[in-house]
Amino acid sequence: GGTEGSDIRIAKEYNLDIRKINSAKEVATEVFPLERAVTPFSEYKLRLGIAIMIEPALQPKTADAVRKWVNGGGKLKVGGDVLVGLKRWETLGPKTPEVDKLLANMSDELAAAMGQSSKLIGPGDLPSSFTRAQIHTALGYQQKGLDFATAQAKGTDLSPLLLAPHVLHAKPRSLKAGTTFELLMDPTNPSKKAQIEFGGFGVAPNKDIVLNFMHEGQNMQVSMPDPDAAISASSGSGTRKAEPGNPHHLGTVVPGELLSYSVNIGDVLKAGKPLCVLESMKMEMKISVPDEMDGLQVKALPCKGRTKEKQGDILAPGDLLLEMQES
């Protein structure tokens, strides 16, 4: 249920052939045998598999080709949390040479990720009230996992209590009236669930979205701001597309929200150094300067990063991320 739903959603998000995802995960597992070494291994296996699939220069998509790529100095487009997870491997079990080599190839990204969280979260950092599932989430996903589990425990975010892959992984605002799902009412008691029926969408006079639900025969309404309106407002006139074949345009590969740039207009780029930070699938992903852009000068930063007041630009594959010129 949940894993299959994630695969389908991510395949659509990255415009990938869903039939090839399992193969890519198996390739990732062969090169980076994660089981019993790193938690949550299934998530990391999926994201390493996606990184293999979206790297155009890595051909064919086989374990031998990945080993050759990594041992030749190649990098993979994975978030800092995945690198930290691979780094933690040292205390959890033996690892393949390619793990160390990938970490060496991405030493700047790893250092940035390690520096962002001053220390790894361990069992002693967790509340004694955490369940085994919450402990697994916090240790596996580190700070984001701890925040997620804490929100679940406090009840400040109900999404972790939603037992419904068909709701979580559906296209936004595609849920049909009459759809039923379950909510976990007590995180410490998995058997305590509530049956909910979705009654459909509506629009409030102030243009907020209205969601209708039925629980135990009682109708309930929940309103929230329209996220599309928020994105539109934050994006201004919209993002430009990178021109295919233009060596001075860097297009977005991984879809997500731009959090910040690590370079300024006028900077001369250096291959491998931090370029920007995106948030994709609720995970921060640090993007490095590609080798082919080494020595170019930053001409423009066409996108807006996240601020305390506004969301960052939401980027799709092909959107212009950086504009450069000869230095």
C-alpha atoms as a PDB file:
ATOM      1  CA  GLY A   1       0.000   0.000   0.000  1.00  0.00           C
ATOM      2  CA  GLY A   2       2.142   2.866   1.271  1.00  0.00           C
ATOM      3  CA  THR A   3       5.388   1.981  -0.506  1.00  0.00           C
ATOM      4  CA  GLU A   4       3.646   1.255  -3.799  1.00  0.00           C
ATOM      5  CA  GLY A   5       1.743   4.513  -3.518  1.00  0.00           C
ATOM      6  CA  SER A   6       4.982   6.432  -2.905  1.00  0.00           C
ATOM      7  CA  ASP A   7       6.626   4.840  -5.939  1.00  0.00           C
ATOM      8  CA  ILE A   8       3.746   5.828  -8.215  1.00  0.00           C
ATOM      9  CA  ARG A   9       3.607   9.382  -6.858  1.00  0.00           C
ATOM     10  CA  ILE A  10       7.358   9.896  -7.154  1.00  0.00           C
ATOM     11  CA  ALA A  11       7.468   8.395 -10.647  1.00  0.00           C
ATOM     12  CA  LYS A  12       4.892  10.966 -11.755  1.00  0.00           C
ATOM     13  CA  GLU A  13       6.710  13.793  -9.950  1.00  0.00           C
ATOM     14  CA  TYR A  14      10.009  12.986 -11.695  1.00  0.00           C
ATOM     15  CA  ASN A  15       8.407  11.937 -14.994  1.00  0.00           C
ATOM     16  CA  LEU A  16       9.892   8.445 -14.674  1.00  0.00           C
ATOM     17  CA  ASP A  17       8.707   5.106 -15.985  1.00  0.00           C
ATOM     18  CA  ILE A  18       7.069   3.431 -12.968  1.00  0.00           C
ATOM     19  CA  ARG A  19       8.001   0.035 -14.373  1.00  0.00           C
ATOM     20  CA  LYS A  20      11.692   0.843 -13.957  1.00  0.00           C
ATOM     21  CA  ILE A  21      11.630   2.001 -10.333  1.00  0.00           C
ATOM     22  CA  ASN A  22      11.871  -1.465  -8.786  1.00  0.00           C
ATOM     23  CA  SER A  23      14.811  -2.267 -11.047  1.00  0.00           C
ATOM     24  CA  ALA A  24      16.550   0.962 -10.028  1.00  0.00           C
ATOM     25  CA  LYS A  25      15.997   0.185  -6.341  1.00  0.00           C
ATOM     26  CA  GLU A  26      17.529  -3.248  -6.807  1.00  0.00           C
ATOM     27  CA  VAL A  27      20.550  -1.698  -8.521  1.00  0.00           C
ATOM     28  CA  ALA A  28      20.905   0.760  -5.626  1.00  0.00           C
ATOM     29  CA  THR A  29      20.665  -2.105  -3.141  1.00  0.00           C
ATOM     30  CA  GLU A  30      23.336  -4.097  -4.952  1.00  0.00           C
ATOM     31  CA  VAL A  31      25.802  -1.208  -4.866  1.00  0.00           C
ATOM     32  CA  PHE A  32      24.722   0.178  -1.478  1.00  0.00           C
ATOM     33  CA  PRO A  33      23.297  -2.852   0.416  1.00  0.00           C
ATOM     34  CA  LEU A  34      21.241  -0.892   2.906  1.00  0.00           C
ATOM     35  CA  GLU A  35      19.172  -3.604   4.595  1.00  0.00           C
ATOM     36  CA  ARG A  36      20.034  -4.014   8.268  1.00  0.00           C
ATOM     37  CA  ALA A  37      22.572  -1.194   7.974  1.00  0.00           C
ATOM     38  CA  VAL A  38      20.709   2.107   7.772  1.00  0.00           C
ATOM     39  CA  THR A  39      17.170   3.057   8.742  1.00  0.00           C
ATOM     40  CA  PRO A  40      14.898   3.887   7.009  1.00  0.00           C
ATOM     41  CA  PHE A  41      16.574   1.734   4.365  1.00  0.00           C
ATOM     42  CA  SER A  42      13.503   1.478   2.099  1.00  0.00           C
ATOM     43  CA  GLU A  43      13.303   5.278   1.740  1.00  0.00           C
ATOM     44  CA  TYR A  44      17.035   5.643   1.079  1.00  0.00           C
ATOM     45  CA  LYS A  45      16.957   2.758  -1.382  1.00  0.00           C
ATOM     46  CA  LEU A  46      14.152   4.461  -3.285  1.00  0.00           C
ATOM     47  CA  ARG A  47      15.904   7.829  -3.371  1.00  0.00           C
ATOM     48  CA  LEU A  48      19.254   6.347  -4.420  1.00  0.00           C
ATOM     49  CA  GLY A  49      17.404   4.443  -7.136  1.00  0.00           C
ATOM     50  CA  ILE A  50      15.775   7.663  -8.358  1.00  0.00           C
ATOM     51  CA  ALA A  51      19.163   9.410  -8.309  1.00  0.00           C
ATOM     52  CA  ILE A  52      20.536   6.660 -10.554  1.00  0.00           C
ATOM     53  CA  MET A  53      17.583   6.996 -12.936  1.00  0.00           C
ATOM     54  CA  ILE A  54      17.760  10.797 -13.292  1.00  0.00           C
ATOM     55  CA  GLU A  55      21.518  10.983 -13.902  1.00  0.00           C
ATOM     56  CA  PRO A  56      21.729  11.198 -17.720  1.00  0.00           C
ATOM     57  CA  ALA A  57      25.455  10.476 -17.901  1.00  0.00           C
ATOM     58  CA  LEU A  58      25.108   7.245 -15.950  1.00  0.00           C
ATOM     59  CA  GLN A  59      24.457   4.621 -18.607  1.00  0.00           C
ATOM     60  CA  PRO A  60      23.406   1.855 -18.630  1.00  0.00           C
ATOM     61  CA  LYS A  61      21.436   1.731 -15.391  1.00  0.00           C
ATOM     62  CA  THR A  62      23.258  -1.308 -14.021  1.00  0.00           C
ATOM     63  CA  ALA A  63      25.153  -2.021 -10.806  1.00  0.00           C
ATOM     64  CA  ASP A  64      28.480  -2.236 -12.658  1.00  0.00           C
ATOM     65  CA  ALA A  65      27.837   1.116 -14.351  1.00  0.00           C
ATOM     66  CA  VAL A  66      26.982   2.719 -10.992  1.00  0.00           C
ATOM     67  CA  ARG A  67      30.181   1.332  -9.439  1.00  0.00           C
ATOM     68  CA  LYS A  68      32.205   2.698 -12.351  1.00  0.00           C
ATOM     69  CA  TRP A  69      30.447   6.076 -12.050  1.00  0.00           C
ATOM     70  CA  VAL A  70      31.058   6.389  -8.312  1.00  0.00           C
ATOM     71  CA  ASN A  71      34.642   5.102  -8.433  1.00  0.00           C
ATOM     72  CA  GLY A  72      35.315   7.583 -11.244  1.00  0.00           C
ATOM     73  CA  GLY A  73      34.356  10.499  -8.985  1.00  0.00           C
ATOM     74  CA  GLY A  74      30.670  10.718  -9.903  1.00  0.00           C
ATOM     75  CA  LYS A  75      28.013  12.118  -7.597  1.00  0.00           C
ATOM     76  CA  LEU A  76      24.338  11.256  -7.119  1.00  0.00           C
ATOM     77  CA  LYS A  77      21.519  13.756  -6.641  1.00  0.00           C
ATOM     78  CA  VAL A  78      20.486  12.759  -3.126  1.00  0.00           C
ATOM     79  CA  GLY A  79      19.694  14.897  -0.113  1.00  0.00           C
ATOM     80  CA  GLY A  80      22.065  15.554   2.748  1.00  0.00           C
ATOM     81  CA  ASP A  81      20.003  13.338   5.043  1.00  0.00           C
ATOM     82  CA  VAL A  82      20.761  10.343   2.815  1.00  0.00           C
ATOM     83  CA  LEU A  83      24.484  11.131   3.009  1.00  0.00           C
ATOM     84  CA  VAL A  84      24.270  11.448   6.786  1.00  0.00           C
ATOM     85  CA  GLY A  85      22.470   8.101   6.844  1.00  0.00           C
ATOM     86  CA  LEU A  86      25.251   6.501   4.815  1.00  0.00           C
ATOM     87  CA  LYS A  87      27.828   8.088   7.106  1.00  0.00           C
ATOM     88  CA  ARG A  88      26.089   6.517  10.118  1.00  0.00           C
ATOM     89  CA  TRP A  89      26.693   3.160   8.460  1.00  0.00           C
ATOM     90  CA  GLU A  90      30.108   3.087  10.167  1.00  0.00           C
ATOM     91  CA  THR A  91      28.522   2.225  13.507  1.00  0.00           C
ATOM     92  CA  LEU A  92      25.821  -0.107  12.181  1.00  0.00           C
ATOM     93  CA  GLY A  93      27.575  -2.702  10.044  1.00  0.00           C
ATOM     94  CA  PRO A  94      30.025  -3.313   7.178  1.00  0.00           C
ATOM     95  CA  LYS A  95      29.665  -1.317   3.992  1.00  0.00           C
ATOM     96  CA  THR A  96      30.839  -1.560   0.413  1.00  0.00           C
ATOM     97  CA  PRO A  97      33.769   0.528  -0.941  1.00  0.00           C
ATOM     98  CA  GLU A  98      31.312   2.512  -3.069  1.00  0.00           C
ATOM     99  CA  VAL A  99      29.675   3.946   0.056  1.00  0.00           C
ATOM    100  CA  ASP A 100      32.949   5.506   1.218  1.00  0.00           C
ATOM    101  CA  LYS A 101      33.765   6.621  -2.321  1.00  0.00           C
ATOM    102  CA  LEU A 102      30.387   8.338  -2.780  1.00  0.00           C
ATOM    103  CA  LEU A 103      30.810  10.123   0.557  1.00  0.00           C
ATOM    104  CA  ALA A 104      34.301  11.226  -0.520  1.00  0.00           C
ATOM    105  CA  ASN A 105      32.955  12.472  -3.868  1.00  0.00           C
ATOM    106  CA  MET A 106      30.273  14.453  -2.042  1.00  0.00           C
ATOM    107  CA  SER A 107      32.362  15.602   0.915  1.00  0.00           C
ATOM    108  CA  ASP A 108      31.171  19.224   0.666  1.00  0.00           C
ATOM    109  CA  GLU A 109      27.516  18.187   0.625  1.00  0.00           C
ATOM    110  CA  LEU A 110      28.110  15.806   3.532  1.00  0.00           C
ATOM    111  CA  ALA A 111      29.944  18.477   5.543  1.00  0.00           C
ATOM    112  CA  ALA A 112      27.109  20.945   4.942  1.00  0.00           C
ATOM    113  CA  ALA A 113      24.530  18.378   6.023  1.00  0.00           C
ATOM    114  CA  MET A 114      26.533  17.442   9.120  1.00  0.00           C
ATOM    115  CA  GLY A 115      27.028  21.115   9.959  1.00  0.00           C
ATOM    116  CA  GLN A 116      23.341  21.918   9.564  1.00  0.00           C
ATOM    117  CA  SER A 117      22.529  19.497  12.371  1.00  0.00           C
ATOM    118  CA  SER A 118      25.326  19.975  14.895  1.00  0.00           C
ATOM    119  CA  LYS A 119      25.165  16.340  15.948  1.00  0.00           C
ATOM    120  CA  LEU A 120      23.404  13.156  15.055  1.00  0.00           C
ATOM    121  CA  ILE A 121      20.260  12.429  17.003  1.00  0.00           C
ATOM    122  CA  GLY A 122      20.635   9.338  19.173  1.00  0.00           C
ATOM    123  CA  PRO A 123      18.356   7.345  21.481  1.00  0.00           C
ATOM    124  CA  GLY A 124      19.280   9.585  24.411  1.00  0.00           C
ATOM    125  CA  ASP A 125      17.847  12.624  22.612  1.00  0.00           C
ATOM    126  CA  LEU A 126      14.350  11.149  22.316  1.00  0.00           C
ATOM    127  CA  PRO A 127      11.458  11.506  24.773  1.00  0.00           C
ATOM    128  CA  SER A 128      10.836   8.421  26.887  1.00  0.00           C
ATOM    129  CA  SER A 129       7.194   8.482  25.786  1.00  0.00           C
ATOM    130  CA  PHE A 130       8.049   7.740  22.133  1.00  0.00           C
ATOM    131  CA  THR A 131       6.714   4.482  20.717  1.00  0.00           C
ATOM    132  CA  ARG A 132       8.985   2.062  18.839  1.00  0.00           C
ATOM    133  CA  ALA A 133       7.641   3.404  15.548  1.00  0.00           C
ATOM    134  CA  GLN A 134       8.348   7.006  16.579  1.00  0.00           C
ATOM    135  CA  ILE A 135      11.871   6.063  17.696  1.00  0.00           C
ATOM    136  CA  HIS A 136      12.484   4.383  14.321  1.00  0.00           C
ATOM    137  CA  THR A 137      11.252   7.507  12.494  1.00  0.00           C
ATOM    138  CA  ALA A 138      13.351   9.924  14.590  1.00  0.00           C
ATOM    139  CA  LEU A 139      16.594   7.943  14.387  1.00  0.00           C
ATOM    140  CA  GLY A 140      16.167   7.146  10.698  1.00  0.00           C
ATOM    141  CA  TYR A 141      15.172  10.585   9.424  1.00  0.00           C
ATOM    142  CA  GLN A 142      17.091  12.546  12.090  1.00  0.00           C
ATOM    143  CA  GLN A 143      15.836  16.116  12.739  1.00  0.00           C
ATOM    144  CA  LYS A 144      12.956  15.944  10.272  1.00  0.00           C
ATOM    145  CA  GLY A 145      11.958  12.561  11.656  1.00  0.00           C
ATOM    146  CA  LEU A 146      12.118  13.882  15.225  1.00  0.00           C
ATOM    147  CA  ASP A 147       9.974  16.893  14.297  1.00  0.00           C
ATOM    148  CA  PHE A 148       7.518  14.594  12.523  1.00  0.00           C
ATOM    149  CA  ALA A 149       7.255  12.158  15.443  1.00  0.00           C
ATOM    150  CA  THR A 150       6.984  15.014  17.958  1.00  0.00           C
ATOM    151  CA  ALA A 151       4.136  16.576  15.992  1.00  0.00           C
ATOM    152  CA  GLN A 152       2.400  13.212  15.925  1.00  0.00           C
ATOM    153  CA  ALA A 153       2.831  12.744  19.670  1.00  0.00           C
ATOM    154  CA  LYS A 154       1.534  16.239  20.472  1.00  0.00           C
ATOM    155  CA  GLY A 155      -1.326  16.062  17.990  1.00  0.00           C
ATOM    156  CA  THR A 156      -0.233  19.352  16.380  1.00  0.00           C
ATOM    157  CA  ASP A 157      -0.106  17.681  12.957  1.00  0.00           C
ATOM    158  CA  LEU A 158      -2.673  15.039  12.121  1.00  0.00           C
ATOM    159  CA  SER A 159      -1.106  13.909   8.841  1.00  0.00           C
ATOM    160  CA  PRO A 160       1.100  11.285  10.568  1.00  0.00           C
ATOM    161  CA  LEU A 161      -2.102   9.779  11.952  1.00  0.00           C
ATOM    162  CA  LEU A 162      -3.725   9.367   8.539  1.00  0.00           C
ATOM    163  CA  LEU A 163      -3.892   5.655   7.669  1.00  0.00           C
ATOM    164  CA  ALA A 164      -4.708   6.172   4.012  1.00  0.00           C
ATOM    165  CA  PRO A 165      -2.095   5.819   1.233  1.00  0.00           C
ATOM    166  CA  HIS A 166      -4.840   6.435  -1.347  1.00  0.00           C
ATOM    167  CA  VAL A 167      -5.374   9.864   0.230  1.00  0.00           C
ATOM    168  CA  LEU A 168      -1.772  10.809   0.997  1.00  0.00           C
ATOM    169  CA  HIS A 169      -0.448   9.934  -2.466  1.00  0.00           C
ATOM    170  CA  ALA A 170      -3.361  11.150  -4.560  1.00  0.00           C
ATOM    171  CA  LYS A 171      -3.154  14.175  -6.816  1.00  0.00           C
ATOM    172  CA  PRO A 172      -4.124  17.324  -4.838  1.00  0.00           C
ATOM    173  CA  ARG A 173      -7.868  18.000  -4.841  1.00  0.00           C
ATOM    174  CA  SER A 174      -8.654  14.797  -6.731  1.00  0.00           C
ATOM    175  CA  LEU A 175     -10.301  12.977  -3.793  1.00  0.00           C
ATOM    176  CA  LYS A 176     -13.854  12.000  -4.674  1.00  0.00           C
ATOM    177  CA  ALA A 177     -16.821  12.607  -2.414  1.00  0.00           C
ATOM    178  CA  GLY A 178     -17.749   9.394  -0.641  1.00  0.00           C
ATOM    179  CA  THR A 179     -14.149   8.223  -0.198  1.00  0.00           C
ATOM    180  CA  THR A 180     -13.625   6.610   3.205  1.00  0.00           C
ATOM    181  CA  PHE A 181     -10.403   6.381   5.198  1.00  0.00           C
ATOM    182  CA  GLU A 182      -9.134   5.827   8.737  1.00  0.00           C
ATOM    183  CA  LEU A 183      -7.469   8.068  11.301  1.00  0.00           C
ATOM    184  CA  LEU A 184      -5.320   6.755  14.137  1.00  0.00           C
ATOM    185  CA  MET A 185      -6.867   8.366  17.207  1.00  0.00           C
ATOM    186  CA  ASP A 186      -4.198   7.365  19.726  1.00  0.00           C
ATOM    187  CA  PRO A 187      -0.531   6.992  18.625  1.00  0.00           C
ATOM    188  CA  THR A 188       0.078   4.592  21.524  1.00  0.00           C
ATOM    189  CA  ASN A 189      -2.862   2.353  20.595  1.00  0.00           C
ATOM    190  CA  PRO A 190      -2.880   1.273  16.916  1.00  0.00           C
ATOM    191  CA  SER A 191      -6.254  -0.413  17.338  1.00  0.00           C
ATOM    192  CA  LYS A 192      -8.021   2.856  18.186  1.00  0.00           C
ATOM    193  CA  LYS A 193      -9.119   4.192  14.803  1.00  0.00           C
ATOM    194  CA  ALA A 194     -11.861   6.437  13.481  1.00  0.00           C
ATOM    195  CA  GLN A 195     -13.751   5.897  10.217  1.00  0.00           C
ATOM    196  CA  ILE A 196     -14.045   9.100   8.183  1.00  0.00           C
ATOM    197  CA  GLU A 197     -16.018   9.766   4.999  1.00  0.00           C
ATOM    198  CA  PHE A 198     -14.983  12.631   2.731  1.00  0.00           C
ATOM    199  CA  GLY A 199     -17.936  14.739   1.631  1.00  0.00           C
ATOM    200  CA  GLY A 200     -16.304  16.803  -1.109  1.00  0.00           C
ATOM    201  CA  PHE A 201     -14.674  20.188  -1.706  1.00  0.00           C
ATOM    202  CA  GLY A 202     -16.239  23.619  -1.547  1.00  0.00           C
ATOM    203  CA  VAL A 203     -15.198  27.266  -1.731  1.00  0.00           C
ATOM    204  CA  ALA A 204     -15.707  29.774   1.081  1.00  0.00           C
ATOM    205  CA  PRO A 205     -16.715  33.418   0.403  1.00  0.00           C
ATOM    206  CA  ASN A 206     -13.081  34.477   1.038  1.00  0.00           C
ATOM    207  CA  LYS A 207     -11.921  31.918  -1.577  1.00  0.00           C
ATOM    208  CA  ASP A 208     -10.563  29.483   1.022  1.00  0.00           C
ATOM    209  CA  ILE A 209     -10.995  25.789   0.278  1.00  0.00           C
ATOM    210  CA  VAL A 210     -13.711  24.063   2.314  1.00  0.00           C
ATOM    211  CA  LEU A 211     -13.387  20.329   3.011  1.00  0.00           C
ATOM    212  CA  ASN A 212     -16.438  18.405   4.176  1.00  0.00           C
ATOM    213  CA  PHE A 213     -16.211  15.268   6.309  1.00  0.00           C
ATOM    214  CA  MET A 214     -18.608  12.912   8.118  1.00  0.00           C
ATOM    215  CA  HIS A 215     -17.713  11.122  11.354  1.00  0.00           C
ATOM    216  CA  GLU A 216     -20.170   9.029  13.343  1.00  0.00           C
ATOM    217  CA  GLY A 217     -23.098  10.635  11.528  1.00  0.00           C
ATOM    218  CA  GLN A 218     -21.934  14.190  12.191  1.00  0.00           C
ATOM    219  CA  ASN A 219     -20.994  16.588   9.366  1.00  0.00           C
ATOM    220  CA  MET A 220     -17.806  18.601   9.841  1.00  0.00           C
ATOM    221  CA  GLN A 221     -16.241  21.371   7.767  1.00  0.00           C
ATOM    222  CA  VAL A 222     -12.609  22.410   7.662  1.00  0.00           C
ATOM    223  CA  SER A 223     -11.396  25.469   5.743  1.00  0.00           C
ATOM    224  CA  MET A 224      -7.871  26.308   4.655  1.00  0.00           C
ATOM    225  CA  PRO A 225      -6.167  28.844   2.349  1.00  0.00           C
ATOM    226  CA  ASP A 226      -5.919  27.821  -1.285  1.00  0.00           C
ATOM    227  CA  PRO A 227      -2.293  26.589  -1.705  1.00  0.00           C
ATOM    228  CA  ASP A 228      -2.377  27.286  -5.441  1.00  0.00           C
ATOM    229  CA  ALA A 229      -3.202  30.912  -4.718  1.00  0.00           C
ATOM    230  CA  ALA A 230      -0.302  31.085  -2.256  1.00  0.00           C
ATOM    231  CA  ILE A 231       2.104  29.599  -4.777  1.00  0.00           C
ATOM    232  CA  SER A 232       0.889  31.959  -7.470  1.00  0.00           C
ATOM    233  CA  ALA A 233       1.336  34.950  -5.206  1.00  0.00           C
ATOM    234  CA  SER A 234       4.848  33.911  -4.206  1.00  0.00           C
ATOM    235  CA  SER A 235       5.955  33.135  -7.731  1.00  0.00           C
ATOM    236  CA  GLY A 236       5.185  36.549  -9.198  1.00  0.00           C
ATOM    237  CA  SER A 237       5.007  36.347 -12.961  1.00  0.00           C
ATOM    238  CA  GLY A 238       6.102  32.718 -12.950  1.00  0.00           C
ATOM    239  CA  THR A 239       9.389  30.931 -13.491  1.00  0.00           C
ATOM    240  CA  ARG A 240      11.199  30.889 -16.817  1.00  0.00           C
ATOM    241  CA  LYS A 241      12.195  27.736 -18.618  1.00  0.00           C
ATOM    242  CA  ALA A 242      15.854  26.973 -19.251  1.00  0.00           C
ATOM    243  CA  GLU A 243      16.746  27.001 -22.935  1.00  0.00           C
ATOM    244  CA  PRO A 244      17.723  23.479 -24.040  1.00  0.00           C
ATOM    245  CA  GLY A 245      21.343  23.406 -25.176  1.00  0.00           C
ATOM    246  CA  ASN A 246      22.166  26.843 -23.718  1.00  0.00           C
ATOM    247  CA  PRO A 247      25.425  26.352 -21.739  1.00  0.00           C
ATOM    248  CA  HIS A 248      24.637  29.459 -19.693  1.00  0.00           C
ATOM    249  CA  HIS A 249      21.295  28.131 -18.435  1.00  0.00           C
ATOM    250  CA  LEU A 250      20.959  25.625 -15.614  1.00  0.00           C
ATOM    251  CA  GLY A 251      17.574  23.932 -15.560  1.00  0.00           C
ATOM    252  CA  THR A 252      15.923  22.339 -12.562  1.00  0.00           C
ATOM    253  CA  VAL A 253      16.276  18.553 -12.442  1.00  0.00           C
ATOM    254  CA  VAL A 254      14.641  17.759  -9.109  1.00  0.00           C
ATOM    255  CA  PRO A 255      11.203  19.357  -8.569  1.00  0.00           C
ATOM    256  CA  GLY A 256      10.636  21.169  -5.305  1.00  0.00           C
ATOM    257  CA  GLU A 257      10.612  24.486  -3.424  1.00  0.00           C
ATOM    258  CA  LEU A 258      13.701  26.701  -3.573  1.00  0.00           C
ATOM    259  CA  LEU A 259      14.865  27.367  -0.021  1.00  0.00           C
ATOM    260  CA  SER A 260      17.992  29.417  -0.733  1.00  0.00           C
ATOM    261  CA  TYR A 261      20.879  30.077  -3.091  1.00  0.00           C
ATOM    262  CA  SER A 262      24.438  29.484  -1.890  1.00  0.00           C
ATOM    263  CA  VAL A 263      25.920  31.829  -4.510  1.00  0.00           C
ATOM    264  CA  ASN A 264      25.489  35.518  -5.357  1.00  0.00           C
ATOM    265  CA  ILE A 265      25.366  37.463  -8.607  1.00  0.00           C
ATOM    266  CA  GLY A 266      28.940  38.010  -9.799  1.00  0.00           C
ATOM    267  CA  ASP A 267      30.370  34.902  -8.113  1.00  0.00           C
ATOM    268  CA  VAL A 268      32.616  32.660 -10.190  1.00  0.00           C
ATOM    269  CA  LEU A 269      31.370  29.105  -9.886  1.00  0.00           C
ATOM    270  CA  LYS A 270      33.585  26.236  -8.752  1.00  0.00           C
ATOM    271  CA  ALA A 271      32.622  22.659  -9.568  1.00  0.00           C
ATOM    272  CA  GLY A 272      31.354  20.689  -6.590  1.00  0.00           C
ATOM    273  CA  LYS A 273      30.719  23.704  -4.400  1.00  0.00           C
ATOM    274  CA  PRO A 274      27.212  24.352  -2.962  1.00  0.00           C
ATOM    275  CA  LEU A 275      24.860  26.062  -5.397  1.00  0.00           C
ATOM    276  CA  CYS A 276      21.418  26.072  -3.780  1.00  0.00           C
ATOM    277  CA  VAL A 277      19.088  24.177  -1.481  1.00  0.00           C
ATOM    278  CA  LEU A 278      15.741  22.725  -2.576  1.00  0.00           C
ATOM    279  CA  GLU A 279      13.066  20.982  -0.571  1.00  0.00           C
ATOM    280  CA  SER A 280      11.643  17.959  -2.357  1.00  0.00           C
ATOM    281  CA  MET A 281       9.379  15.317  -0.837  1.00  0.00           C
ATOM    282  CA  LYS A 282       9.745  17.137   2.519  1.00  0.00           C
ATOM    283  CA  MET A 283      13.504  16.537   2.401  1.00  0.00           C
ATOM    284  CA  GLU A 284      16.184  19.178   1.930  1.00  0.00           C
ATOM    285  CA  MET A 285      18.387  18.566  -1.093  1.00  0.00           C
ATOM    286  CA  LYS A 286      21.658  20.435  -1.551  1.00  0.00           C
ATOM    287  CA  ILE A 287      22.544  21.039  -5.216  1.00  0.00           C
ATOM    288  CA  SER A 288      26.222  21.405  -6.166  1.00  0.00           C
ATOM    289  CA  VAL A 289      27.784  23.256  -9.096  1.00  0.00           C
ATOM    290  CA  PRO A 290      28.026  20.836 -12.058  1.00  0.00           C
ATOM    291  CA  ASP A 291      31.485  20.193 -13.502  1.00  0.00           C
ATOM    292  CA  GLU A 292      30.593  21.753 -16.856  1.00  0.00           C
ATOM    293  CA  MET A 293      29.815  25.096 -15.179  1.00  0.00           C
ATOM    294  CA  ASP A 294      33.164  25.440 -13.440  1.00  0.00           C
ATOM    295  CA  GLY A 295      34.608  28.914 -14.051  1.00  0.00           C
ATOM    296  CA  LEU A 296      31.380  30.551 -15.249  1.00  0.00           C
ATOM    297  CA  GLN A 297      30.109  33.705 -13.542  1.00  0.00           C
ATOM    298  CA  VAL A 298      26.642  34.041 -12.004  1.00  0.00           C
ATOM    299  CA  LYS A 299      24.647  36.503 -14.114  1.00  0.00           C
ATOM    300  CA  ALA A 300      21.207  36.183 -12.504  1.00  0.00           C
ATOM    301  CA  LEU A 301      19.361  34.319  -9.775  1.00  0.00           C
ATOM    302  CA  PRO A 302      15.941  34.041 -11.421  1.00  0.00           C
ATOM    303  CA  CYS A 303      14.082  32.366  -8.550  1.00  0.00           C
ATOM    304  CA  LYS A 304      13.052  33.462  -5.079  1.00  0.00           C
ATOM    305  CA  GLY A 305      13.997  31.491  -1.972  1.00  0.00           C
ATOM    306  CA  ARG A 306      11.885  30.888   1.097  1.00  0.00           C
ATOM    307  CA  THR A 307      11.611  33.671   3.679  1.00  0.00           C
ATOM    308  CA  LYS A 308       9.881  33.881   7.043  1.00  0.00           C
ATOM    309  CA  GLU A 309       6.929  35.540   5.320  1.00  0.00           C
ATOM    310  CA  LYS A 310       6.714  33.780   1.950  1.00  0.00           C
ATOM    311  CA  GLN A 311       7.143  30.400   0.370  1.00  0.00           C
ATOM    312  CA  GLY A 312      10.002  29.934  -2.081  1.00  0.00           C
ATOM    313  CA  ASP A 313       9.394  29.434  -5.800  1.00  0.00           C
ATOM    314  CA  ILE A 314       7.980  26.007  -6.648  1.00  0.00           C
ATOM    315  CA  LEU A 315      10.141  24.611  -9.432  1.00  0.00           C
ATOM    316  CA  ALA A 316       9.343  21.923 -11.963  1.00  0.00           C
ATOM    317  CA  PRO A 317      11.874  20.037 -14.104  1.00  0.00           C
ATOM    318  CA  GLY A 318      13.201  22.373 -16.783  1.00  0.00           C
ATOM    319  CA  ASP A 319      12.567  25.622 -14.897  1.00  0.00           C
ATOM    320  CA  LEU A 320      15.503  28.060 -15.061  1.00  0.00           C
ATOM    321  CA  LEU A 321      17.448  27.774 -11.804  1.00  0.00           C
ATOM    322  CA  LEU A 322      20.562  29.785 -12.656  1.00  0.00           C
ATOM    323  CA  GLU A 323      21.721  32.087 -15.460  1.00  0.00           C
ATOM    324  CA  MET A 324      25.463  32.456 -16.121  1.00  0.00           C
ATOM    325  CA  GLN A 325      27.974  34.251 -18.327  1.00  0.00           C
ATOM    326  CA  GLU A 326      31.648  33.916 -19.161  1.00  0.00           C
ATOM    327  CA  SER A 327      33.870  35.247 -16.396  1.00  0.00           C
END
